[in-house]
Amino acid sequence: MSDKKVKVTLVKSLIGTRQSHRVTVRGLGLRKLNHAVELEDTPAVRGMIRKVAYLLKCEEAI
C-alpha cells in the first residue's frame, strides 16, 4: 500500500449541491464544514476528490 496520505477539508457547504456529490463527500468521511480527514493517496480517493474539488481543500499530510 501507499505510505502517502492526503489531508482533505470540507470548506464549502453541501447545501444546493447534487445528491451524488453529497454522497461522495460522505464517502470521503467528511461530515461538517471545516471537518478534516487524512486518507490514503490512492487513485480511487483521488477520483473522489477531483469530483467534488470545488467543495474541498486538499493538501499533503505530513
N, C-alpha and C. Protein backbone atom coordinates (compact mmCIF):
# COMPACT_ATOMS: atom_id res chain seq x y z
N MET A 1 0.82 -1.19 0.00
CA MET A 1 0.00 0.00 0.00
C MET A 1 0.86 1.25 0.00
N SER A 2 0.24 2.32 -0.36
CA SER A 2 0.93 3.59 -0.42
C SER A 2 1.11 4.17 0.98
N ASP A 3 2.29 4.71 1.23
CA ASP A 3 2.54 5.36 2.51
C ASP A 3 2.10 6.82 2.50
N LYS A 4 1.79 7.34 1.32
CA LYS A 4 1.39 8.74 1.20
C LYS A 4 -0.01 8.94 1.75
N LYS A 5 -0.21 10.10 2.34
CA LYS A 5 -1.51 10.48 2.89
C LYS A 5 -1.90 11.84 2.32
N VAL A 6 -3.20 12.06 2.23
CA VAL A 6 -3.74 13.33 1.76
C VAL A 6 -4.68 13.84 2.84
N LYS A 7 -4.54 15.12 3.19
CA LYS A 7 -5.44 15.74 4.16
C LYS A 7 -6.50 16.51 3.37
N VAL A 8 -7.77 16.17 3.62
CA VAL A 8 -8.88 16.77 2.90
C VAL A 8 -9.79 17.47 3.91
N THR A 9 -10.16 18.73 3.60
CA THR A 9 -11.01 19.52 4.49
C THR A 9 -12.21 20.02 3.70
N LEU A 10 -13.40 19.89 4.27
CA LEU A 10 -14.62 20.41 3.66
C LEU A 10 -14.72 21.90 3.97
N VAL A 11 -14.63 22.75 2.94
CA VAL A 11 -14.60 24.20 3.18
C VAL A 11 -15.82 24.92 2.62
N LYS A 12 -16.68 24.21 1.89
CA LYS A 12 -17.88 24.82 1.34
C LYS A 12 -19.08 23.95 1.68
N SER A 13 -20.21 24.58 1.93
CA SER A 13 -21.42 23.88 2.35
C SER A 13 -21.96 22.97 1.24
N LEU A 14 -22.62 21.91 1.66
CA LEU A 14 -23.23 20.97 0.73
C LEU A 14 -24.62 21.39 0.30
N ILE A 15 -25.13 22.48 0.87
CA ILE A 15 -26.47 22.96 0.51
C ILE A 15 -26.48 23.36 -0.96
N GLY A 16 -27.42 22.85 -1.69
CA GLY A 16 -27.56 23.19 -3.10
C GLY A 16 -26.70 22.37 -4.04
N THR A 17 -25.98 21.39 -3.52
CA THR A 17 -25.14 20.56 -4.39
C THR A 17 -25.92 19.32 -4.83
N ARG A 18 -25.40 18.64 -5.83
CA ARG A 18 -26.04 17.42 -6.33
C ARG A 18 -25.97 16.31 -5.29
N GLN A 19 -26.97 15.45 -5.33
CA GLN A 19 -27.03 14.33 -4.38
C GLN A 19 -25.79 13.45 -4.51
N SER A 20 -25.33 13.20 -5.72
CA SER A 20 -24.16 12.34 -5.91
C SER A 20 -22.90 12.98 -5.32
N HIS A 21 -22.82 14.31 -5.33
CA HIS A 21 -21.69 14.99 -4.73
C HIS A 21 -21.74 14.89 -3.21
N ARG A 22 -22.93 14.97 -2.64
CA ARG A 22 -23.08 14.81 -1.19
C ARG A 22 -22.67 13.42 -0.75
N VAL A 23 -23.05 12.43 -1.53
CA VAL A 23 -22.69 11.05 -1.22
C VAL A 23 -21.18 10.86 -1.33
N THR A 24 -20.55 11.50 -2.30
CA THR A 24 -19.11 11.39 -2.48
C THR A 24 -18.37 12.01 -1.29
N VAL A 25 -18.82 13.18 -0.84
CA VAL A 25 -18.21 13.84 0.33
C VAL A 25 -18.36 12.94 1.55
N ARG A 26 -19.51 12.33 1.70
CA ARG A 26 -19.75 11.42 2.82
C ARG A 26 -18.83 10.20 2.73
N GLY A 27 -18.61 9.74 1.50
CA GLY A 27 -17.72 8.60 1.26
C GLY A 27 -16.28 8.91 1.61
N LEU A 28 -15.91 10.17 1.52
CA LEU A 28 -14.56 10.59 1.92
C LEU A 28 -14.43 10.67 3.43
N GLY A 29 -15.55 10.59 4.14
CA GLY A 29 -15.52 10.62 5.60
C GLY A 29 -15.72 11.99 6.19
N LEU A 30 -16.15 12.94 5.36
CA LEU A 30 -16.35 14.31 5.84
C LEU A 30 -17.79 14.50 6.28
N ARG A 31 -17.98 15.13 7.43
CA ARG A 31 -19.31 15.28 8.00
C ARG A 31 -19.78 16.72 8.03
N LYS A 32 -19.00 17.61 8.62
CA LYS A 32 -19.41 19.00 8.81
C LYS A 32 -18.46 19.94 8.08
N LEU A 33 -18.84 21.18 8.02
CA LEU A 33 -17.97 22.21 7.47
C LEU A 33 -16.70 22.30 8.31
N ASN A 34 -15.58 22.46 7.66
CA ASN A 34 -14.24 22.54 8.27
C ASN A 34 -13.79 21.24 8.93
N HIS A 35 -14.47 20.14 8.67
CA HIS A 35 -14.04 18.83 9.15
C HIS A 35 -12.92 18.35 8.24
N ALA A 36 -11.85 17.81 8.81
CA ALA A 36 -10.70 17.34 8.03
C ALA A 36 -10.43 15.87 8.33
N VAL A 37 -10.01 15.15 7.31
CA VAL A 37 -9.63 13.75 7.45
C VAL A 37 -8.35 13.50 6.67
N GLU A 38 -7.59 12.51 7.11
CA GLU A 38 -6.41 12.06 6.38
C GLU A 38 -6.73 10.73 5.72
N LEU A 39 -6.49 10.66 4.42
CA LEU A 39 -6.83 9.47 3.64
C LEU A 39 -5.60 8.96 2.91
N GLU A 40 -5.61 7.66 2.58
CA GLU A 40 -4.56 7.08 1.75
C GLU A 40 -4.62 7.73 0.37
N ASP A 41 -3.47 7.97 -0.22
CA ASP A 41 -3.40 8.57 -1.55
C ASP A 41 -3.50 7.47 -2.61
N THR A 42 -4.74 7.10 -2.96
CA THR A 42 -4.98 6.06 -3.96
C THR A 42 -5.72 6.68 -5.15
N PRO A 43 -5.71 6.00 -6.30
CA PRO A 43 -6.44 6.52 -7.45
C PRO A 43 -7.94 6.70 -7.18
N ALA A 44 -8.54 5.81 -6.40
CA ALA A 44 -9.96 5.92 -6.08
C ALA A 44 -10.25 7.18 -5.27
N VAL A 45 -9.43 7.44 -4.28
CA VAL A 45 -9.61 8.63 -3.44
C VAL A 45 -9.35 9.88 -4.27
N ARG A 46 -8.34 9.85 -5.12
CA ARG A 46 -8.05 11.00 -5.99
C ARG A 46 -9.23 11.32 -6.91
N GLY A 47 -9.89 10.29 -7.42
CA GLY A 47 -11.05 10.49 -8.27
C GLY A 47 -12.20 11.12 -7.52
N MET A 48 -12.42 10.68 -6.28
CA MET A 48 -13.48 11.27 -5.46
C MET A 48 -13.18 12.73 -5.14
N ILE A 49 -11.91 13.01 -4.85
CA ILE A 49 -11.51 14.40 -4.56
C ILE A 49 -11.71 15.27 -5.79
N ARG A 50 -11.35 14.76 -6.96
CA ARG A 50 -11.49 15.51 -8.21
C ARG A 50 -12.95 15.83 -8.51
N LYS A 51 -13.84 14.90 -8.18
CA LYS A 51 -15.28 15.08 -8.45
C LYS A 51 -15.86 16.24 -7.66
N VAL A 52 -15.43 16.41 -6.42
CA VAL A 52 -16.00 17.45 -5.56
C VAL A 52 -14.94 18.47 -5.13
N ALA A 53 -13.97 18.71 -5.99
CA ALA A 53 -12.84 19.59 -5.66
C ALA A 53 -13.29 21.01 -5.31
N TYR A 54 -14.41 21.45 -5.87
CA TYR A 54 -14.90 22.81 -5.59
C TYR A 54 -15.42 22.97 -4.16
N LEU A 55 -15.57 21.87 -3.43
CA LEU A 55 -16.04 21.91 -2.04
C LEU A 55 -14.91 21.71 -1.04
N LEU A 56 -13.74 21.29 -1.51
CA LEU A 56 -12.68 20.83 -0.63
C LEU A 56 -11.42 21.67 -0.69
N LYS A 57 -10.61 21.51 0.35
CA LYS A 57 -9.23 21.97 0.34
C LYS A 57 -8.39 20.70 0.55
N CYS A 58 -7.42 20.49 -0.31
CA CYS A 58 -6.65 19.26 -0.29
C CYS A 58 -5.17 19.61 -0.16
N GLU A 59 -4.46 18.88 0.71
CA GLU A 59 -3.01 19.11 0.88
C GLU A 59 -2.33 17.83 1.29
N GLU A 60 -1.04 17.78 1.11
CA GLU A 60 -0.24 16.62 1.51
C GLU A 60 -0.21 16.54 3.04
N ALA A 61 -0.45 15.37 3.58
CA ALA A 61 -0.35 15.17 5.03
C ALA A 61 1.11 14.93 5.38
N ILE A 62 1.51 15.43 6.52
CA ILE A 62 2.91 15.29 6.96
C ILE A 62 3.07 14.06 7.82
